[in-house]
Amino acid sequence: MKRFLLIITLLATLFGCSTDGFNGDHLSGIAPGDKVSLGMAITPKNFPAHTMADIDQAFRLARQLADYSVFIYQWGNLDLKVARVMTAKSRQAGLKAILGLSPTTLDQGRKELDLPAEVRRRAGATISFANPVIRKAYVDTVKQLAHLRPAYLCLATEINFLALQRLEEYLHFVTLYKEAYREAKRISPETRVFVSFQWEWMRIVDAKEPHKIKEHSKVIDIFRPELDVIGLTSYPSPFHGSPAELPHDYYSWLNHHIHKNDEVLFMELGWPSQGSGSELEQQDFIVRLPVLIEQVNVSLIAWALLHDVDLDVFDANLNSVGLIKNSGSKKNGFHEFKALKLSFP
């Protein structure tokens, strides 16, 4: 999520387009799922200067809001011991774990590989998903995460950024993903395995080339049939002045790209309370969510952060996506998200 607004703004500028301009009057939509579950990325109070007590408190607070916990790890910085502890703590708190692995860099527009130092050393000069050394190391990492038996396992986040910038590398990753998928399902057949796509970027592409929507869908379809759910990340605030300005088909536009029975999961969803947003707008966005997703087969919505964070590499938008301030003070969005949990069937 690092520098997300910069990345997506640069891409939008590159293609000379925005996410506006969709009316979707011809969209018939599909019936929503029987139940929408909620998830939460467990960021503790005082992050990154937090304590274990802060982490334990975060799990207790998250349990009020969600049934799932979310942990997304950059492959280059993954500590499997931490992943094991967080998965165990999730179960102790009565939460089902969603684990994410990001093999592409956050701060380079997700167009470069994010490798552990030892893997990079052994890979030599050829840094590519086609490199057998990198492929084996990636599959081995996925197998270790699968042994934790999470409810959901995302094997790449916002992977469509790579498709835009390095199509050949994207194709290499797809074959690697399918290999890793089979290994993950062999170890933990009940785990739902997938990749996530950045939703604002998909709308940008469609706005630029509305006559090529079926072709754009190939960025998703190429992963089939080894794709248990359609994963999305979405941060609309850079493109819309307020939640009220979101077009009615903001998320139902997805039905142009997926199959009728596809399960949709929002891996990251957020609206900041500073920068391009405000606390009131964050609250309003949460209130409007049921209407925005009512024509989409959404099974799970995971909010991007529980607590705000204080990271120099983040701007005000990303630092303030949480429903609770870094100090521990709850925003109105916290209470609306709690109400949302009670409102879904």
Protein backbone atom coordinates (compact mmCIF):
# COMPACT_ATOMS: atom_id res chain seq x y z
CA MET A 1 0.00 0.00 0.00
CA LYS A 2 3.07 2.24 0.26
CA ARG A 3 2.86 5.34 -1.94
CA PHE A 4 -0.38 4.00 -3.37
CA LEU A 5 -1.74 7.41 -4.28
CA LEU A 6 1.47 8.35 -6.07
CA ILE A 7 1.52 5.11 -8.04
CA ILE A 8 -2.07 5.27 -9.19
CA THR A 9 -1.93 8.99 -9.96
CA LEU A 10 1.17 8.46 -12.11
CA LEU A 11 -0.53 5.66 -13.98
CA ALA A 12 -3.64 7.73 -14.54
CA THR A 13 -1.50 10.57 -15.83
CA LEU A 14 0.43 8.20 -18.06
CA PHE A 15 -2.75 7.04 -19.75
CA GLY A 16 -4.38 10.46 -19.76
CA CYS A 17 -7.59 9.32 -18.11
CA SER A 18 -9.56 9.11 -14.90
CA THR A 19 -12.05 6.75 -13.34
CA ASP A 20 -14.98 9.06 -14.07
CA GLY A 21 -17.36 8.74 -16.96
CA PHE A 22 -19.11 5.43 -16.30
CA ASN A 23 -22.89 5.49 -16.32
CA GLY A 24 -23.47 1.76 -16.53
CA ASP A 25 -27.14 2.14 -17.40
CA HIS A 26 -27.03 -1.08 -19.40
CA LEU A 27 -25.65 -3.09 -16.48
CA SER A 28 -28.07 -5.72 -15.23
CA GLY A 29 -25.98 -6.86 -12.29
CA ILE A 30 -26.22 -10.06 -10.30
CA ALA A 31 -27.82 -10.93 -7.02
CA PRO A 32 -25.62 -10.42 -3.95
CA GLY A 33 -24.46 -13.36 -1.88
CA ASP A 34 -26.43 -14.71 1.03
CA LYS A 35 -23.95 -13.26 3.51
CA VAL A 36 -21.27 -10.56 3.50
CA SER A 37 -18.53 -11.08 6.07
CA LEU A 38 -16.19 -8.35 7.30
CA GLY A 39 -12.45 -8.41 7.77
CA MET A 40 -9.89 -6.07 9.31
CA ALA A 41 -6.16 -5.53 8.88
CA ILE A 42 -4.79 -5.76 12.42
CA THR A 43 -2.73 -2.60 12.90
CA PRO A 44 -2.20 -1.85 16.61
CA LYS A 45 -2.26 1.45 18.46
CA ASN A 46 1.05 3.36 18.42
CA PHE A 47 2.24 1.57 15.27
CA PRO A 48 5.15 1.26 14.52
CA ALA A 49 6.23 1.96 18.14
CA HIS A 50 3.67 -0.52 19.47
CA THR A 51 3.88 -3.10 22.22
CA MET A 52 2.61 -6.66 22.47
CA ALA A 53 -0.15 -5.31 24.69
CA ASP A 54 -1.16 -2.97 21.85
CA ILE A 55 -1.34 -5.97 19.50
CA ASP A 56 -3.49 -7.95 21.90
CA GLN A 57 -5.82 -4.98 22.30
CA ALA A 58 -6.04 -4.63 18.52
CA PHE A 59 -7.27 -8.21 18.22
CA ARG A 60 -9.92 -7.58 20.86
CA LEU A 61 -11.11 -4.45 19.06
CA ALA A 62 -11.07 -6.17 15.68
CA ARG A 63 -13.32 -8.90 17.03
CA GLN A 64 -16.01 -6.24 17.58
CA LEU A 65 -15.87 -5.29 13.91
CA ALA A 66 -15.02 -8.39 11.91
CA ASP A 67 -14.86 -12.13 11.58
CA TYR A 68 -11.60 -12.16 9.61
CA SER A 69 -8.13 -10.76 10.23
CA VAL A 70 -5.90 -9.61 7.36
CA PHE A 71 -2.11 -9.73 7.18
CA ILE A 72 -0.28 -8.75 3.99
CA TYR A 73 3.46 -9.41 3.80
CA GLN A 74 5.98 -8.22 1.25
CA TRP A 75 7.92 -11.29 0.15
CA GLY A 76 11.24 -9.48 0.60
CA ASN A 77 10.45 -8.73 4.25
CA LEU A 78 8.42 -11.78 5.20
CA ASP A 79 9.13 -13.20 8.65
CA LEU A 80 7.40 -16.56 8.80
CA LYS A 81 7.63 -16.59 12.59
CA VAL A 82 5.57 -13.40 12.72
CA ALA A 83 3.05 -14.86 10.29
CA ARG A 84 2.69 -17.94 12.48
CA VAL A 85 2.19 -15.86 15.62
CA MET A 86 -0.38 -13.59 13.99
CA THR A 87 -2.31 -16.53 12.57
CA ALA A 88 -2.33 -18.21 15.98
CA LYS A 89 -3.45 -14.99 17.68
CA SER A 90 -6.24 -14.65 15.13
CA ARG A 91 -7.58 -18.08 16.01
CA GLN A 92 -7.32 -17.31 19.73
CA ALA A 93 -9.35 -14.14 19.13
CA GLY A 94 -12.00 -16.04 17.20
CA LEU A 95 -10.96 -14.56 13.84
CA LYS A 96 -10.26 -16.42 10.60
CA ALA A 97 -7.00 -15.42 8.96
CA ILE A 98 -6.52 -13.96 5.50
CA LEU A 99 -2.85 -14.01 4.51
CA GLY A 100 -1.41 -12.06 1.61
CA LEU A 101 2.00 -12.39 -0.05
CA SER A 102 3.26 -9.57 -2.28
CA PRO A 103 6.09 -10.60 -4.63
CA THR A 104 6.27 -7.18 -6.33
CA THR A 105 7.65 -3.95 -4.88
CA LEU A 106 5.48 -1.37 -3.20
CA ASP A 107 7.61 1.69 -3.88
CA GLN A 108 8.38 1.01 -7.56
CA GLY A 109 4.85 0.87 -8.89
CA ARG A 110 4.71 -2.91 -8.32
CA LYS A 111 6.69 -3.46 -11.49
CA GLU A 112 9.80 -4.96 -9.89
CA LEU A 113 10.23 -8.22 -8.01
CA ASP A 114 10.42 -7.95 -4.21
CA LEU A 115 12.77 -10.77 -3.27
CA PRO A 116 14.30 -11.92 0.02
CA ALA A 117 17.98 -10.97 0.08
CA GLU A 118 19.19 -14.57 -0.08
CA VAL A 119 16.93 -15.39 -3.02
CA ARG A 120 18.19 -12.32 -4.87
CA ARG A 121 21.78 -13.36 -4.23
CA ARG A 122 21.20 -16.90 -5.53
CA ALA A 123 19.18 -15.68 -8.52
CA GLY A 124 22.15 -13.87 -10.01
CA ALA A 125 21.70 -11.37 -12.81
CA THR A 126 18.34 -12.67 -14.09
CA ILE A 127 15.71 -11.20 -11.81
CA SER A 128 12.55 -12.62 -13.33
CA PHE A 129 9.65 -14.88 -12.44
CA ALA A 130 11.04 -17.10 -15.20
CA ASN A 131 14.21 -17.75 -13.17
CA PRO A 132 14.07 -21.33 -11.73
CA VAL A 133 15.76 -20.19 -8.51
CA ILE A 134 13.13 -17.52 -7.90
CA ARG A 135 10.29 -19.83 -8.90
CA LYS A 136 11.34 -22.55 -6.47
CA ALA A 137 11.84 -20.07 -3.62
CA TYR A 138 8.42 -18.54 -4.21
CA VAL A 139 6.64 -21.90 -4.27
CA ASP A 140 8.49 -22.93 -1.11
CA THR A 141 7.30 -19.75 0.63
CA VAL A 142 3.71 -20.33 -0.49
CA LYS A 143 3.87 -23.89 0.84
CA GLN A 144 5.01 -22.60 4.23
CA LEU A 145 2.13 -20.14 4.36
CA ALA A 146 -0.32 -22.83 3.29
CA HIS A 147 0.78 -24.96 6.23
CA LEU A 148 -0.69 -22.22 8.46
CA ARG A 149 -4.06 -23.17 6.95
CA PRO A 150 -5.53 -19.68 6.59
CA ALA A 151 -9.10 -19.25 5.41
CA TYR A 152 -7.85 -17.27 2.41
CA LEU A 153 -4.38 -17.04 0.87
CA CYS A 154 -3.61 -14.22 -1.59
CA LEU A 155 -0.47 -15.01 -3.61
CA ALA A 156 -0.01 -11.52 -5.12
CA THR A 157 -1.55 -8.16 -4.31
CA GLU A 158 -2.56 -5.62 -6.98
CA ILE A 159 -0.90 -7.80 -9.59
CA ASN A 160 -2.56 -5.98 -12.50
CA PHE A 161 -0.01 -3.17 -12.04
CA LEU A 162 2.58 -5.64 -13.33
CA ALA A 163 0.42 -6.50 -16.35
CA LEU A 164 0.38 -2.86 -17.40
CA GLN A 165 4.06 -2.21 -17.06
CA ARG A 166 5.73 -5.56 -17.82
CA LEU A 167 3.38 -7.87 -19.67
CA GLU A 168 5.96 -10.60 -20.33
CA GLU A 169 6.85 -10.70 -16.65
CA TYR A 170 3.15 -10.86 -15.82
CA LEU A 171 2.81 -13.94 -18.01
CA HIS A 172 5.77 -15.55 -16.25
CA PHE A 173 4.12 -14.86 -12.92
CA VAL A 174 0.83 -16.42 -14.03
CA THR A 175 2.52 -19.76 -14.74
CA LEU A 176 4.33 -19.53 -11.40
CA TYR A 177 1.09 -18.70 -9.59
CA LYS A 178 -0.62 -21.76 -11.03
CA GLU A 179 2.21 -23.97 -9.85
CA ALA A 180 2.07 -22.41 -6.38
CA TYR A 181 -1.73 -22.64 -6.33
CA ARG A 182 -1.62 -26.40 -6.84
CA GLU A 183 0.91 -26.82 -4.03
CA ALA A 184 -1.11 -24.62 -1.65
CA LYS A 185 -4.32 -26.56 -2.34
CA ARG A 186 -2.50 -29.87 -1.89
CA ILE A 187 -1.38 -28.79 1.58
CA SER A 188 -4.57 -27.00 2.62
CA PRO A 189 -7.48 -27.93 0.32
CA GLU A 190 -9.97 -25.83 2.30
CA THR A 191 -7.97 -22.60 1.87
CA ARG A 192 -9.32 -20.23 -0.77
CA VAL A 193 -6.37 -19.20 -2.98
CA PHE A 194 -6.33 -16.13 -5.22
CA VAL A 195 -4.58 -12.92 -6.33
CA SER A 196 -5.88 -9.38 -5.94
CA PHE A 197 -6.40 -6.67 -8.56
CA GLN A 198 -6.37 -2.92 -7.98
CA TRP A 199 -9.91 -1.77 -8.77
CA GLU A 200 -9.28 1.93 -9.50
CA TRP A 201 -6.68 0.86 -12.04
CA MET A 202 -9.16 -1.48 -13.76
CA ARG A 203 -11.62 1.41 -14.07
CA ILE A 204 -8.85 3.61 -15.47
CA VAL A 205 -8.10 1.08 -18.19
CA ASP A 206 -11.79 0.73 -19.10
CA ALA A 207 -12.20 4.51 -19.24
CA LYS A 208 -9.24 4.79 -21.59
CA GLU A 209 -10.40 1.98 -23.90
CA PRO A 210 -14.13 1.35 -23.35
CA HIS A 211 -14.33 -0.64 -26.60
CA LYS A 212 -11.85 -3.22 -25.26
CA ILE A 213 -13.52 -4.26 -22.02
CA LYS A 214 -13.58 -7.95 -22.93
CA GLU A 215 -9.90 -7.76 -23.69
CA HIS A 216 -9.24 -6.06 -20.37
CA SER A 217 -10.96 -8.95 -18.61
CA LYS A 218 -8.12 -11.20 -19.73
CA VAL A 219 -5.99 -9.79 -16.92
CA ILE A 220 -8.28 -11.77 -14.60
CA ASP A 221 -9.24 -14.67 -16.83
CA ILE A 222 -5.66 -15.72 -17.44
CA PHE A 223 -5.51 -17.02 -13.86
CA ARG A 224 -8.52 -19.29 -14.32
CA PRO A 225 -9.39 -21.93 -13.33
CA GLU A 226 -6.87 -21.64 -10.47
CA LEU A 227 -8.66 -18.65 -8.96
CA ASP A 228 -10.96 -19.42 -6.05
CA VAL A 229 -12.16 -15.82 -5.56
CA ILE A 230 -11.83 -12.45 -7.30
CA GLY A 231 -9.76 -10.28 -4.97
CA LEU A 232 -9.81 -6.49 -5.13
CA THR A 233 -8.17 -3.53 -3.45
CA SER A 234 -9.94 -0.17 -3.63
CA TYR A 235 -9.13 3.37 -2.46
CA PRO A 236 -11.54 5.72 -4.29
CA SER A 237 -10.77 9.03 -2.54
CA PRO A 238 -8.04 10.31 -4.93
CA PHE A 239 -10.56 10.34 -7.77
CA HIS A 240 -13.78 11.49 -6.11
CA GLY A 241 -14.37 14.48 -3.88
CA SER A 242 -16.71 12.61 -1.57
CA PRO A 243 -18.42 9.21 -1.26
CA ALA A 244 -21.61 10.82 -2.58
CA GLU A 245 -19.81 11.44 -5.89
CA LEU A 246 -19.10 7.76 -6.49
CA PRO A 247 -21.20 6.59 -9.46
CA HIS A 248 -23.90 4.09 -8.59
CA ASP A 249 -22.09 1.39 -10.56
CA TYR A 250 -18.69 2.06 -9.00
CA TYR A 251 -18.30 -1.56 -7.94
CA SER A 252 -21.04 -3.24 -9.97
CA TRP A 253 -19.02 -2.30 -13.06
CA LEU A 254 -16.97 -5.33 -12.06
CA ASN A 255 -19.71 -7.52 -13.48
CA HIS A 256 -18.39 -6.63 -16.94
CA HIS A 257 -15.21 -8.52 -16.09
CA ILE A 258 -16.23 -11.55 -14.05
CA HIS A 259 -18.50 -14.58 -14.24
CA LYS A 260 -21.95 -14.61 -12.69
CA ASN A 261 -21.04 -17.02 -9.91
CA ASP A 262 -17.62 -15.59 -9.08
CA GLU A 263 -17.08 -14.84 -5.40
CA VAL A 264 -15.70 -11.33 -4.83
CA LEU A 265 -13.48 -10.40 -1.89
CA PHE A 266 -12.26 -6.91 -1.06
CA MET A 267 -8.76 -7.58 0.25
CA GLU A 268 -8.20 -3.89 1.05
CA LEU A 269 -10.86 -1.21 1.13
CA GLY A 270 -10.37 2.23 2.59
CA TRP A 271 -11.16 5.93 2.75
CA PRO A 272 -8.75 8.26 4.61
CA SER A 273 -9.71 10.76 7.30
CA GLN A 274 -6.94 13.18 6.26
CA GLY A 275 -5.34 14.17 2.97
CA SER A 276 -7.90 13.47 0.24
CA GLY A 277 -10.52 12.53 2.84
CA SER A 278 -12.01 13.46 6.19
CA GLU A 279 -13.53 11.63 9.14
CA LEU A 280 -17.01 12.50 7.91
CA GLU A 281 -16.25 11.22 4.41
CA GLN A 282 -14.83 8.00 5.82
CA GLN A 283 -18.01 7.52 7.82
CA ASP A 284 -20.18 8.30 4.79
CA PHE A 285 -18.27 5.84 2.61
CA ILE A 286 -18.90 3.03 5.08
CA VAL A 287 -22.58 3.96 5.29
CA ARG A 288 -22.85 3.82 1.50
CA LEU A 289 -21.06 0.48 1.08
CA PRO A 290 -24.17 -1.76 1.17
CA VAL A 291 -25.69 0.19 -1.75
CA LEU A 292 -22.43 0.23 -3.72
CA ILE A 293 -22.00 -3.55 -3.54
CA GLU A 294 -25.62 -4.64 -3.76
CA GLN A 295 -25.28 -5.81 -7.38
CA VAL A 296 -21.99 -7.63 -6.82
CA ASN A 297 -21.51 -11.14 -5.44
CA VAL A 298 -19.38 -9.91 -2.54
CA SER A 299 -18.65 -12.45 0.16
CA LEU A 300 -16.16 -10.43 2.25
CA ILE A 301 -15.08 -6.82 2.77
CA ALA A 302 -11.80 -6.21 4.61
CA TRP A 303 -11.00 -2.68 5.81
CA ALA A 304 -7.44 -1.57 5.07
CA LEU A 305 -6.33 -0.60 8.61
CA LEU A 306 -7.73 -0.87 12.13
CA HIS A 307 -5.58 1.89 13.66
CA ASP A 308 -3.95 4.75 11.81
CA VAL A 309 -0.21 4.34 11.45
CA ASP A 310 2.66 6.82 11.64
CA LEU A 311 5.07 5.92 8.86
CA ASP A 312 7.33 8.37 7.03
CA VAL A 313 6.95 6.42 3.79
CA PHE A 314 3.17 6.96 3.87
CA ASP A 315 1.42 10.22 3.14
CA ALA A 316 -1.52 11.60 5.14
CA ASN A 317 -3.98 9.50 3.12
CA LEU A 318 -2.43 6.15 3.87
CA ASN A 319 -1.52 6.94 7.45
CA SER A 320 -5.15 7.87 8.20
CA VAL A 321 -7.13 5.01 6.61
CA GLY A 322 -7.66 3.43 10.04
CA LEU A 323 -10.95 3.46 11.90
CA ILE A 324 -9.13 4.34 15.12
CA LYS A 325 -6.53 7.07 15.54
CA ASN A 326 -2.97 6.02 16.29
CA SER A 327 -3.48 7.29 19.83
CA GLY A 328 -6.42 4.93 20.35
CA SER A 329 -9.29 7.39 19.87
CA LYS A 330 -12.14 5.87 17.83
CA LYS A 331 -13.42 7.69 14.76
CA ASN A 332 -17.05 7.72 13.71
CA GLY A 333 -16.08 5.23 11.04
CA PHE A 334 -15.37 2.66 13.76
CA HIS A 335 -18.94 2.81 14.99
CA GLU A 336 -20.36 2.73 11.45
CA PHE A 337 -18.28 -0.31 10.57
CA LYS A 338 -19.49 -1.99 13.74
CA ALA A 339 -23.07 -1.21 12.71
CA LEU A 340 -22.27 -2.57 9.25
CA LYS A 341 -21.31 -5.90 10.78
CA LEU A 342 -24.73 -6.11 12.41
CA SER A 343 -26.59 -5.04 9.28
CA PHE A 344 -25.33 -7.69 6.88
CA PRO A 345 -27.33 -10.93 6.83
